[in-house]
Amino acid sequence: MKKNSVKAERVVSIAGFVFLVIAAIAGFAFDGDKSSFLEYLAPTEIIIPYTHVFCAALAFVSILFPNYFIMVAIFMIESILTIFTHYDMLGIFFFYAAIILLLVKEIFTRKHTPIIVTLFIIHYLSLLGTLTRGWKYTAISYGYSVFCMVFYIWIYKILRRKFSCYIPSNISENNSIPGIRKGDHLKLSEYGLTETQAQFVLANIHENLSFKDISSKFYVSISVVKHEFVKVYKIFSVDNLFELRMLLLQYQLEA
């Protein structure tokens, strides 16, 4: 993670930790949720507070060692718990927070579609836990979840159109990467890049390293770095580093 990114993650983790501590205290203060589906498994006066305690512990770990996997796990656990304990609107929010984080931060760089589909299946199955309040309430929960999904897709498309004006026409019309949709995985080695070139490109794209930083990291001269990037420019039909970044940032890169 980048330094600035780590600071942001810690702020979110601290806020989440505070929320979960409050939720745990409230869980110990209340006498569970006797009408919850979870009551059939174990006493909810135990399950609810201790689940919050467990997630608070994960959040504390995330404060010390920022980690997106931990954050997604917290969102998913809390999503299932809150849905089962009649806070399903909050649970639905937690679920989509996990999905958005997973996609935006590209946590699973390979085969992310099956993982997302699995999470959606878990989410929609967990909504069945609201049946203890009646099928009408369950129908509302499913409807709200579907609405959230459609709404976030709509917002994504609006933002994509809004920011498309910042992509130069020679980049948007670049045909050097055929057959791959924007946002999909792009394996650099399949386009003729050497291992060294791929490492240089990934260092620049993922770590925002300059030519000087790359030369220091890989113990080569700046002239070597520049020479390798010139070769990469030709492969992707661009003229400079800015255009290369604009082109490749549209994909999930792999060596």
C-alpha atoms as a PDB file:
ATOM      1  CA  MET A   1       0.000   0.000   0.000  1.00  0.00           C
ATOM      2  CA  LYS A   2       1.118   3.563  -0.617  1.00  0.00           C
ATOM      3  CA  LYS A   3       1.862   5.766   2.405  1.00  0.00           C
ATOM      4  CA  ASN A   4      -1.131   8.050   1.871  1.00  0.00           C
ATOM      5  CA  SER A   5      -3.361   5.047   1.261  1.00  0.00           C
ATOM      6  CA  VAL A   6      -2.247   3.452   4.533  1.00  0.00           C
ATOM      7  CA  LYS A   7      -3.154   6.634   6.433  1.00  0.00           C
ATOM      8  CA  ALA A   8      -6.636   6.620   4.869  1.00  0.00           C
ATOM      9  CA  GLU A   9      -7.156   2.939   5.687  1.00  0.00           C
ATOM     10  CA  ARG A  10      -6.126   3.512   9.291  1.00  0.00           C
ATOM     11  CA  VAL A  11      -8.651   6.336   9.677  1.00  0.00           C
ATOM     12  CA  VAL A  12     -11.424   4.068   8.349  1.00  0.00           C
ATOM     13  CA  SER A  13     -10.243   1.200  10.566  1.00  0.00           C
ATOM     14  CA  ILE A  14     -10.238   3.454  13.649  1.00  0.00           C
ATOM     15  CA  ALA A  15     -13.780   4.645  12.877  1.00  0.00           C
ATOM     16  CA  GLY A  16     -14.867   1.042  12.325  1.00  0.00           C
ATOM     17  CA  PHE A  17     -13.196  -0.059  15.560  1.00  0.00           C
ATOM     18  CA  VAL A  18     -15.042   2.619  17.551  1.00  0.00           C
ATOM     19  CA  PHE A  19     -18.361   1.630  15.941  1.00  0.00           C
ATOM     20  CA  LEU A  20     -17.794  -2.064  16.662  1.00  0.00           C
ATOM     21  CA  VAL A  21     -16.831  -1.416  20.285  1.00  0.00           C
ATOM     22  CA  ILE A  22     -20.059   0.552  20.747  1.00  0.00           C
ATOM     23  CA  ALA A  23     -22.000  -2.245  19.017  1.00  0.00           C
ATOM     24  CA  ALA A  24     -20.358  -4.838  21.290  1.00  0.00           C
ATOM     25  CA  ILE A  25     -21.211  -2.852  24.438  1.00  0.00           C
ATOM     26  CA  ALA A  26     -24.790  -2.495  23.228  1.00  0.00           C
ATOM     27  CA  GLY A  27     -24.869  -6.215  22.474  1.00  0.00           C
ATOM     28  CA  PHE A  28     -23.873  -7.058  26.052  1.00  0.00           C
ATOM     29  CA  ALA A  29     -26.441  -4.575  27.404  1.00  0.00           C
ATOM     30  CA  PHE A  30     -29.371  -6.056  25.462  1.00  0.00           C
ATOM     31  CA  ASP A  31     -30.852  -9.502  25.916  1.00  0.00           C
ATOM     32  CA  GLY A  32     -30.098 -10.749  22.421  1.00  0.00           C
ATOM     33  CA  ASP A  33     -32.698 -11.098  19.681  1.00  0.00           C
ATOM     34  CA  LYS A  34     -35.018 -13.983  20.483  1.00  0.00           C
ATOM     35  CA  SER A  35     -36.877 -13.713  17.165  1.00  0.00           C
ATOM     36  CA  SER A  36     -33.666 -13.917  15.133  1.00  0.00           C
ATOM     37  CA  PHE A  37     -32.800 -16.893  12.947  1.00  0.00           C
ATOM     38  CA  LEU A  38     -29.528 -17.113  14.916  1.00  0.00           C
ATOM     39  CA  GLU A  39     -31.422 -18.034  18.075  1.00  0.00           C
ATOM     40  CA  TYR A  40     -31.970 -21.487  16.560  1.00  0.00           C
ATOM     41  CA  LEU A  41     -28.179 -21.967  16.488  1.00  0.00           C
ATOM     42  CA  ALA A  42     -27.072 -20.463  19.800  1.00  0.00           C
ATOM     43  CA  PRO A  43     -28.193 -17.811  22.323  1.00  0.00           C
ATOM     44  CA  THR A  44     -28.088 -14.456  20.542  1.00  0.00           C
ATOM     45  CA  GLU A  45     -27.117 -12.661  23.768  1.00  0.00           C
ATOM     46  CA  ILE A  46     -23.786 -14.449  23.249  1.00  0.00           C
ATOM     47  CA  ILE A  47     -23.499 -14.539  19.445  1.00  0.00           C
ATOM     48  CA  ILE A  48     -24.243 -10.854  18.844  1.00  0.00           C
ATOM     49  CA  PRO A  49     -21.824  -9.153  21.273  1.00  0.00           C
ATOM     50  CA  TYR A  50     -18.980 -11.618  20.772  1.00  0.00           C
ATOM     51  CA  THR A  51     -19.230 -11.355  16.987  1.00  0.00           C
ATOM     52  CA  HIS A  52     -18.879  -7.579  17.374  1.00  0.00           C
ATOM     53  CA  VAL A  53     -15.907  -8.162  19.701  1.00  0.00           C
ATOM     54  CA  PHE A  54     -14.289 -10.449  17.129  1.00  0.00           C
ATOM     55  CA  CYS A  55     -14.782  -7.889  14.354  1.00  0.00           C
ATOM     56  CA  ALA A  56     -13.505  -5.116  16.637  1.00  0.00           C
ATOM     57  CA  ALA A  57     -10.357  -7.181  17.184  1.00  0.00           C
ATOM     58  CA  LEU A  58      -9.959  -7.536  13.417  1.00  0.00           C
ATOM     59  CA  ALA A  59     -10.421  -3.779  13.030  1.00  0.00           C
ATOM     60  CA  PHE A  60      -7.726  -3.183  15.658  1.00  0.00           C
ATOM     61  CA  VAL A  61      -5.363  -5.452  13.731  1.00  0.00           C
ATOM     62  CA  SER A  62      -6.226  -3.495  10.584  1.00  0.00           C
ATOM     63  CA  ILE A  63      -5.271  -0.268  12.380  1.00  0.00           C
ATOM     64  CA  LEU A  64      -1.819  -1.653  13.149  1.00  0.00           C
ATOM     65  CA  PHE A  65      -1.392  -3.496   9.851  1.00  0.00           C
ATOM     66  CA  PRO A  66      -3.734  -2.032   7.184  1.00  0.00           C
ATOM     67  CA  ASN A  67      -5.091  -4.865   5.085  1.00  0.00           C
ATOM     68  CA  TYR A  68      -7.963  -4.877   2.592  1.00  0.00           C
ATOM     69  CA  PHE A  69      -8.709  -8.582   3.103  1.00  0.00           C
ATOM     70  CA  ILE A  70      -9.395  -7.917   6.786  1.00  0.00           C
ATOM     71  CA  MET A  71     -11.658  -4.977   5.968  1.00  0.00           C
ATOM     72  CA  VAL A  72     -13.697  -7.023   3.487  1.00  0.00           C
ATOM     73  CA  ALA A  73     -13.974  -9.845   6.031  1.00  0.00           C
ATOM     74  CA  ILE A  74     -15.282  -7.423   8.675  1.00  0.00           C
ATOM     75  CA  PHE A  75     -17.878  -6.004   6.283  1.00  0.00           C
ATOM     76  CA  MET A  76     -19.090  -9.481   5.296  1.00  0.00           C
ATOM     77  CA  ILE A  77     -19.305 -10.822   8.860  1.00  0.00           C
ATOM     78  CA  GLU A  78     -21.129  -7.728  10.099  1.00  0.00           C
ATOM     79  CA  SER A  79     -23.385  -7.832   7.054  1.00  0.00           C
ATOM     80  CA  ILE A  80     -24.571 -11.357   7.822  1.00  0.00           C
ATOM     81  CA  LEU A  81     -24.937 -10.651  11.544  1.00  0.00           C
ATOM     82  CA  THR A  82     -26.933  -7.445  11.133  1.00  0.00           C
ATOM     83  CA  ILE A  83     -29.195  -9.004   8.502  1.00  0.00           C
ATOM     84  CA  PHE A  84     -29.944 -11.933  10.815  1.00  0.00           C
ATOM     85  CA  THR A  85     -30.641  -9.609  13.747  1.00  0.00           C
ATOM     86  CA  HIS A  86     -33.180  -7.352  12.016  1.00  0.00           C
ATOM     87  CA  TYR A  87     -30.782  -4.577  11.027  1.00  0.00           C
ATOM     88  CA  ASP A  88     -30.924  -5.764   7.443  1.00  0.00           C
ATOM     89  CA  MET A  89     -30.708  -2.290   5.861  1.00  0.00           C
ATOM     90  CA  LEU A  90     -27.391  -1.772   7.646  1.00  0.00           C
ATOM     91  CA  GLY A  91     -26.341  -5.289   6.667  1.00  0.00           C
ATOM     92  CA  ILE A  92     -27.054  -4.584   3.007  1.00  0.00           C
ATOM     93  CA  PHE A  93     -24.929  -1.437   3.232  1.00  0.00           C
ATOM     94  CA  PHE A  94     -22.056  -3.444   4.753  1.00  0.00           C
ATOM     95  CA  PHE A  95     -22.301  -5.996   1.939  1.00  0.00           C
ATOM     96  CA  TYR A  96     -22.079  -3.443  -0.852  1.00  0.00           C
ATOM     97  CA  ALA A  97     -19.288  -1.633   1.004  1.00  0.00           C
ATOM     98  CA  ALA A  98     -17.344  -4.913   0.842  1.00  0.00           C
ATOM     99  CA  ILE A  99     -18.069  -5.363  -2.868  1.00  0.00           C
ATOM    100  CA  ILE A 100     -17.088  -1.777  -3.722  1.00  0.00           C
ATOM    101  CA  LEU A 101     -13.864  -2.051  -1.710  1.00  0.00           C
ATOM    102  CA  LEU A 102     -13.055  -5.363  -3.354  1.00  0.00           C
ATOM    103  CA  LEU A 103     -13.508  -3.960  -6.866  1.00  0.00           C
ATOM    104  CA  VAL A 104     -11.982  -0.509  -6.374  1.00  0.00           C
ATOM    105  CA  LYS A 105      -8.864  -1.801  -4.650  1.00  0.00           C
ATOM    106  CA  GLU A 106      -8.605  -4.846  -6.958  1.00  0.00           C
ATOM    107  CA  ILE A 107      -8.039  -7.070  -3.930  1.00  0.00           C
ATOM    108  CA  PHE A 108      -8.445 -10.274  -5.908  1.00  0.00           C
ATOM    109  CA  THR A 109      -6.351  -9.705  -9.023  1.00  0.00           C
ATOM    110  CA  ARG A 110      -7.236 -13.051 -10.576  1.00  0.00           C
ATOM    111  CA  LYS A 111     -10.571 -14.752 -11.103  1.00  0.00           C
ATOM    112  CA  HIS A 112     -12.460 -12.066  -9.200  1.00  0.00           C
ATOM    113  CA  THR A 113     -15.802 -12.820 -10.885  1.00  0.00           C
ATOM    114  CA  PRO A 114     -16.365 -16.223  -9.172  1.00  0.00           C
ATOM    115  CA  ILE A 115     -15.468 -14.636  -5.825  1.00  0.00           C
ATOM    116  CA  ILE A 116     -17.937 -11.787  -6.305  1.00  0.00           C
ATOM    117  CA  VAL A 117     -20.655 -14.215  -7.465  1.00  0.00           C
ATOM    118  CA  THR A 118     -20.009 -16.350  -4.360  1.00  0.00           C
ATOM    119  CA  LEU A 119     -20.323 -13.301  -2.102  1.00  0.00           C
ATOM    120  CA  PHE A 120     -23.600 -12.345  -3.782  1.00  0.00           C
ATOM    121  CA  ILE A 121     -24.930 -15.881  -3.249  1.00  0.00           C
ATOM    122  CA  ILE A 122     -23.972 -15.694   0.443  1.00  0.00           C
ATOM    123  CA  HIS A 123     -25.623 -12.280   0.694  1.00  0.00           C
ATOM    124  CA  TYR A 124     -28.898 -13.325  -0.901  1.00  0.00           C
ATOM    125  CA  LEU A 125     -29.028 -16.510   1.179  1.00  0.00           C
ATOM    126  CA  SER A 126     -28.431 -14.489   4.337  1.00  0.00           C
ATOM    127  CA  LEU A 127     -31.442 -12.320   3.465  1.00  0.00           C
ATOM    128  CA  LEU A 128     -33.566 -15.434   3.974  1.00  0.00           C
ATOM    129  CA  GLY A 129     -32.838 -14.933   7.669  1.00  0.00           C
ATOM    130  CA  THR A 130     -35.385 -12.105   7.623  1.00  0.00           C
ATOM    131  CA  LEU A 131     -38.168 -14.659   7.092  1.00  0.00           C
ATOM    132  CA  THR A 132     -38.584 -14.773  10.870  1.00  0.00           C
ATOM    133  CA  ARG A 133     -40.269 -11.371  10.501  1.00  0.00           C
ATOM    134  CA  GLY A 134     -42.518 -12.512   7.646  1.00  0.00           C
ATOM    135  CA  TRP A 135     -42.223 -12.925   3.897  1.00  0.00           C
ATOM    136  CA  LYS A 136     -43.299  -9.321   3.236  1.00  0.00           C
ATOM    137  CA  TYR A 137     -40.316  -8.001   5.164  1.00  0.00           C
ATOM    138  CA  THR A 138     -38.047 -10.421   3.323  1.00  0.00           C
ATOM    139  CA  ALA A 139     -39.409  -9.219  -0.015  1.00  0.00           C
ATOM    140  CA  ILE A 140     -38.640  -5.629   0.994  1.00  0.00           C
ATOM    141  CA  SER A 141     -35.081  -6.619   1.956  1.00  0.00           C
ATOM    142  CA  TYR A 142     -34.479  -8.333  -1.383  1.00  0.00           C
ATOM    143  CA  GLY A 143     -35.970  -5.384  -3.227  1.00  0.00           C
ATOM    144  CA  TYR A 144     -33.764  -2.931  -1.344  1.00  0.00           C
ATOM    145  CA  SER A 145     -30.650  -4.989  -2.031  1.00  0.00           C
ATOM    146  CA  VAL A 146     -31.406  -5.179  -5.752  1.00  0.00           C
ATOM    147  CA  PHE A 147     -32.084  -1.427  -5.774  1.00  0.00           C
ATOM    148  CA  CYS A 148     -28.678  -0.777  -4.148  1.00  0.00           C
ATOM    149  CA  MET A 149     -26.963  -2.944  -6.755  1.00  0.00           C
ATOM    150  CA  VAL A 150     -28.672  -1.139  -9.652  1.00  0.00           C
ATOM    151  CA  PHE A 151     -28.026   2.261  -8.052  1.00  0.00           C
ATOM    152  CA  TYR A 152     -24.283   1.656  -7.636  1.00  0.00           C
ATOM    153  CA  ILE A 153     -23.987   0.371 -11.203  1.00  0.00           C
ATOM    154  CA  TRP A 154     -25.778   3.519 -12.375  1.00  0.00           C
ATOM    155  CA  ILE A 155     -23.396   5.755 -10.398  1.00  0.00           C
ATOM    156  CA  TYR A 156     -20.424   3.839 -11.808  1.00  0.00           C
ATOM    157  CA  LYS A 157     -21.602   4.422 -15.372  1.00  0.00           C
ATOM    158  CA  ILE A 158     -22.205   8.108 -14.703  1.00  0.00           C
ATOM    159  CA  LEU A 159     -18.678   8.516 -13.312  1.00  0.00           C
ATOM    160  CA  ARG A 160     -17.209   6.537 -16.189  1.00  0.00           C
ATOM    161  CA  ARG A 161     -18.875   8.860 -18.718  1.00  0.00           C
ATOM    162  CA  LYS A 162     -17.937  11.921 -16.682  1.00  0.00           C
ATOM    163  CA  PHE A 163     -14.239  11.085 -16.581  1.00  0.00           C
ATOM    164  CA  SER A 164     -14.020   9.741 -20.124  1.00  0.00           C
ATOM    165  CA  CYS A 165     -13.498  13.332 -21.325  1.00  0.00           C
ATOM    166  CA  TYR A 166     -10.102  13.318 -19.606  1.00  0.00           C
ATOM    167  CA  ILE A 167      -8.871  10.464 -21.792  1.00  0.00           C
ATOM    168  CA  PRO A 168      -7.265  11.766 -25.016  1.00  0.00           C
ATOM    169  CA  SER A 169      -8.793  10.512 -28.249  1.00  0.00           C
ATOM    170  CA  ASN A 170      -5.562   8.779 -29.267  1.00  0.00           C
ATOM    171  CA  ILE A 171      -5.856   6.712 -26.069  1.00  0.00           C
ATOM    172  CA  SER A 172      -9.580   5.979 -26.272  1.00  0.00           C
ATOM    173  CA  GLU A 173      -9.124   4.932 -29.920  1.00  0.00           C
ATOM    174  CA  ASN A 174      -5.949   2.941 -29.285  1.00  0.00           C
ATOM    175  CA  ASN A 175      -6.263  -0.535 -30.850  1.00  0.00           C
ATOM    176  CA  SER A 176      -3.061  -2.074 -29.509  1.00  0.00           C
ATOM    177  CA  ILE A 177      -5.007  -4.106 -26.914  1.00  0.00           C
ATOM    178  CA  PRO A 178      -7.742  -5.926 -28.844  1.00  0.00           C
ATOM    179  CA  GLY A 179     -10.242  -8.324 -27.313  1.00  0.00           C
ATOM    180  CA  ILE A 180      -9.921  -7.093 -23.717  1.00  0.00           C
ATOM    181  CA  ARG A 181     -12.591  -4.959 -22.109  1.00  0.00           C
ATOM    182  CA  LYS A 182     -11.718  -1.990 -19.942  1.00  0.00           C
ATOM    183  CA  GLY A 183     -11.313  -3.114 -16.363  1.00  0.00           C
ATOM    184  CA  ASP A 184     -10.358  -6.693 -17.259  1.00  0.00           C
ATOM    185  CA  HIS A 185      -7.027  -8.364 -16.553  1.00  0.00           C
ATOM    186  CA  LEU A 186      -4.176  -7.652 -18.937  1.00  0.00           C
ATOM    187  CA  LYS A 187      -1.121  -9.907 -18.857  1.00  0.00           C
ATOM    188  CA  LEU A 188       1.862  -7.859 -20.045  1.00  0.00           C
ATOM    189  CA  SER A 189       3.937 -10.881 -21.066  1.00  0.00           C
ATOM    190  CA  GLU A 190       1.271 -11.793 -23.631  1.00  0.00           C
ATOM    191  CA  TYR A 191       2.009  -8.537 -25.462  1.00  0.00           C
ATOM    192  CA  GLY A 192       5.708  -9.214 -25.914  1.00  0.00           C
ATOM    193  CA  LEU A 193       7.041  -7.417 -22.845  1.00  0.00           C
ATOM    194  CA  THR A 194      10.106  -8.946 -21.252  1.00  0.00           C
ATOM    195  CA  GLU A 195      10.121  -9.708 -17.540  1.00  0.00           C
ATOM    196  CA  THR A 196      12.211  -6.583 -16.932  1.00  0.00           C
ATOM    197  CA  GLN A 197       9.893  -4.358 -18.955  1.00  0.00           C
ATOM    198  CA  ALA A 198       6.838  -5.759 -17.164  1.00  0.00           C
ATOM    199  CA  GLN A 199       8.443  -5.102 -13.764  1.00  0.00           C
ATOM    200  CA  PHE A 200       9.275  -1.528 -14.774  1.00  0.00           C
ATOM    201  CA  VAL A 201       5.736  -0.886 -16.011  1.00  0.00           C
ATOM    202  CA  LEU A 202       4.117  -2.371 -12.897  1.00  0.00           C
ATOM    203  CA  ALA A 203       6.431  -0.333 -10.669  1.00  0.00           C
ATOM    204  CA  ASN A 204       5.356   2.834 -12.448  1.00  0.00           C
ATOM    205  CA  ILE A 205       1.631   2.015 -12.636  1.00  0.00           C
ATOM    206  CA  HIS A 206       1.071   0.347  -9.254  1.00  0.00           C
ATOM    207  CA  GLU A 207       3.685   2.127  -7.133  1.00  0.00           C
ATOM    208  CA  ASN A 208       3.826   5.429  -9.028  1.00  0.00           C
ATOM    209  CA  LEU A 209       7.626   5.200  -9.226  1.00  0.00           C
ATOM    210  CA  SER A 210       9.531   7.620 -11.450  1.00  0.00           C
ATOM    211  CA  PHE A 211      12.326   6.559 -13.784  1.00  0.00           C
ATOM    212  CA  LYS A 212      14.817   7.494 -11.069  1.00  0.00           C
ATOM    213  CA  ASP A 213      12.930   5.478  -8.443  1.00  0.00           C
ATOM    214  CA  ILE A 214      12.747   2.459 -10.775  1.00  0.00           C
ATOM    215  CA  SER A 215      16.479   2.648 -11.488  1.00  0.00           C
ATOM    216  CA  SER A 216      17.180   2.664  -7.737  1.00  0.00           C
ATOM    217  CA  LYS A 217      14.777  -0.188  -7.010  1.00  0.00           C
ATOM    218  CA  PHE A 218      16.130  -2.492  -9.718  1.00  0.00           C
ATOM    219  CA  TYR A 219      19.788  -1.334  -9.548  1.00  0.00           C
ATOM    220  CA  VAL A 220      20.042  -0.208 -13.149  1.00  0.00           C
ATOM    221  CA  SER A 221      20.863   3.123 -14.744  1.00  0.00           C
ATOM    222  CA  ILE A 222      18.157   5.639 -15.640  1.00  0.00           C
ATOM    223  CA  SER A 223      19.167   5.341 -19.288  1.00  0.00           C
ATOM    224  CA  VAL A 224      18.384   1.628 -19.195  1.00  0.00           C
ATOM    225  CA  VAL A 225      14.956   2.347 -17.706  1.00  0.00           C
ATOM    226  CA  LYS A 226      14.198   4.967 -20.347  1.00  0.00           C
ATOM    227  CA  HIS A 227      15.403   2.668 -23.139  1.00  0.00           C
ATOM    228  CA  GLU A 228      13.116  -0.147 -21.971  1.00  0.00           C
ATOM    229  CA  PHE A 229      10.141   2.189 -21.741  1.00  0.00           C
ATOM    230  CA  VAL A 230      10.738   3.393 -25.305  1.00  0.00           C
ATOM    231  CA  LYS A 231      10.346  -0.219 -26.415  1.00  0.00           C
ATOM    232  CA  VAL A 232       7.127  -0.483 -24.405  1.00  0.00           C
ATOM    233  CA  TYR A 233       5.788   2.710 -26.020  1.00  0.00           C
ATOM    234  CA  LYS A 234       6.178   1.080 -29.436  1.00  0.00           C
ATOM    235  CA  ILE A 235       4.412  -2.093 -28.315  1.00  0.00           C
ATOM    236  CA  PHE A 236       1.342  -0.144 -27.149  1.00  0.00           C
ATOM    237  CA  SER A 237       1.472   2.526 -29.874  1.00  0.00           C
ATOM    238  CA  VAL A 238       1.916   5.493 -27.537  1.00  0.00           C
ATOM    239  CA  ASP A 239       4.406   8.368 -27.596  1.00  0.00           C
ATOM    240  CA  ASN A 240       5.269   8.934 -23.951  1.00  0.00           C
ATOM    241  CA  LEU A 241       4.859   7.790 -20.366  1.00  0.00           C
ATOM    242  CA  PHE A 242       1.715   9.844 -19.771  1.00  0.00           C
ATOM    243  CA  GLU A 243      -0.083   8.166 -22.673  1.00  0.00           C
ATOM    244  CA  LEU A 244       1.149   4.734 -21.552  1.00  0.00           C
ATOM    245  CA  ARG A 245      -0.224   5.305 -18.057  1.00  0.00           C
ATOM    246  CA  MET A 246      -3.542   6.602 -19.388  1.00  0.00           C
ATOM    247  CA  LEU A 247      -3.864   3.490 -21.528  1.00  0.00           C
ATOM    248  CA  LEU A 248      -2.822   0.844 -19.001  1.00  0.00           C
ATOM    249  CA  LEU A 249      -4.627   2.305 -15.994  1.00  0.00           C
ATOM    250  CA  GLN A 250      -7.827   1.166 -17.672  1.00  0.00           C
ATOM    251  CA  TYR A 251      -6.886  -2.474 -17.030  1.00  0.00           C
ATOM    252  CA  GLN A 252      -5.896  -4.774 -14.186  1.00  0.00           C
ATOM    253  CA  LEU A 253      -2.252  -5.416 -14.947  1.00  0.00           C
ATOM    254  CA  GLU A 254      -0.289  -8.598 -14.382  1.00  0.00           C
ATOM    255  CA  ALA A 255       3.304  -9.428 -15.276  1.00  0.00           C
END
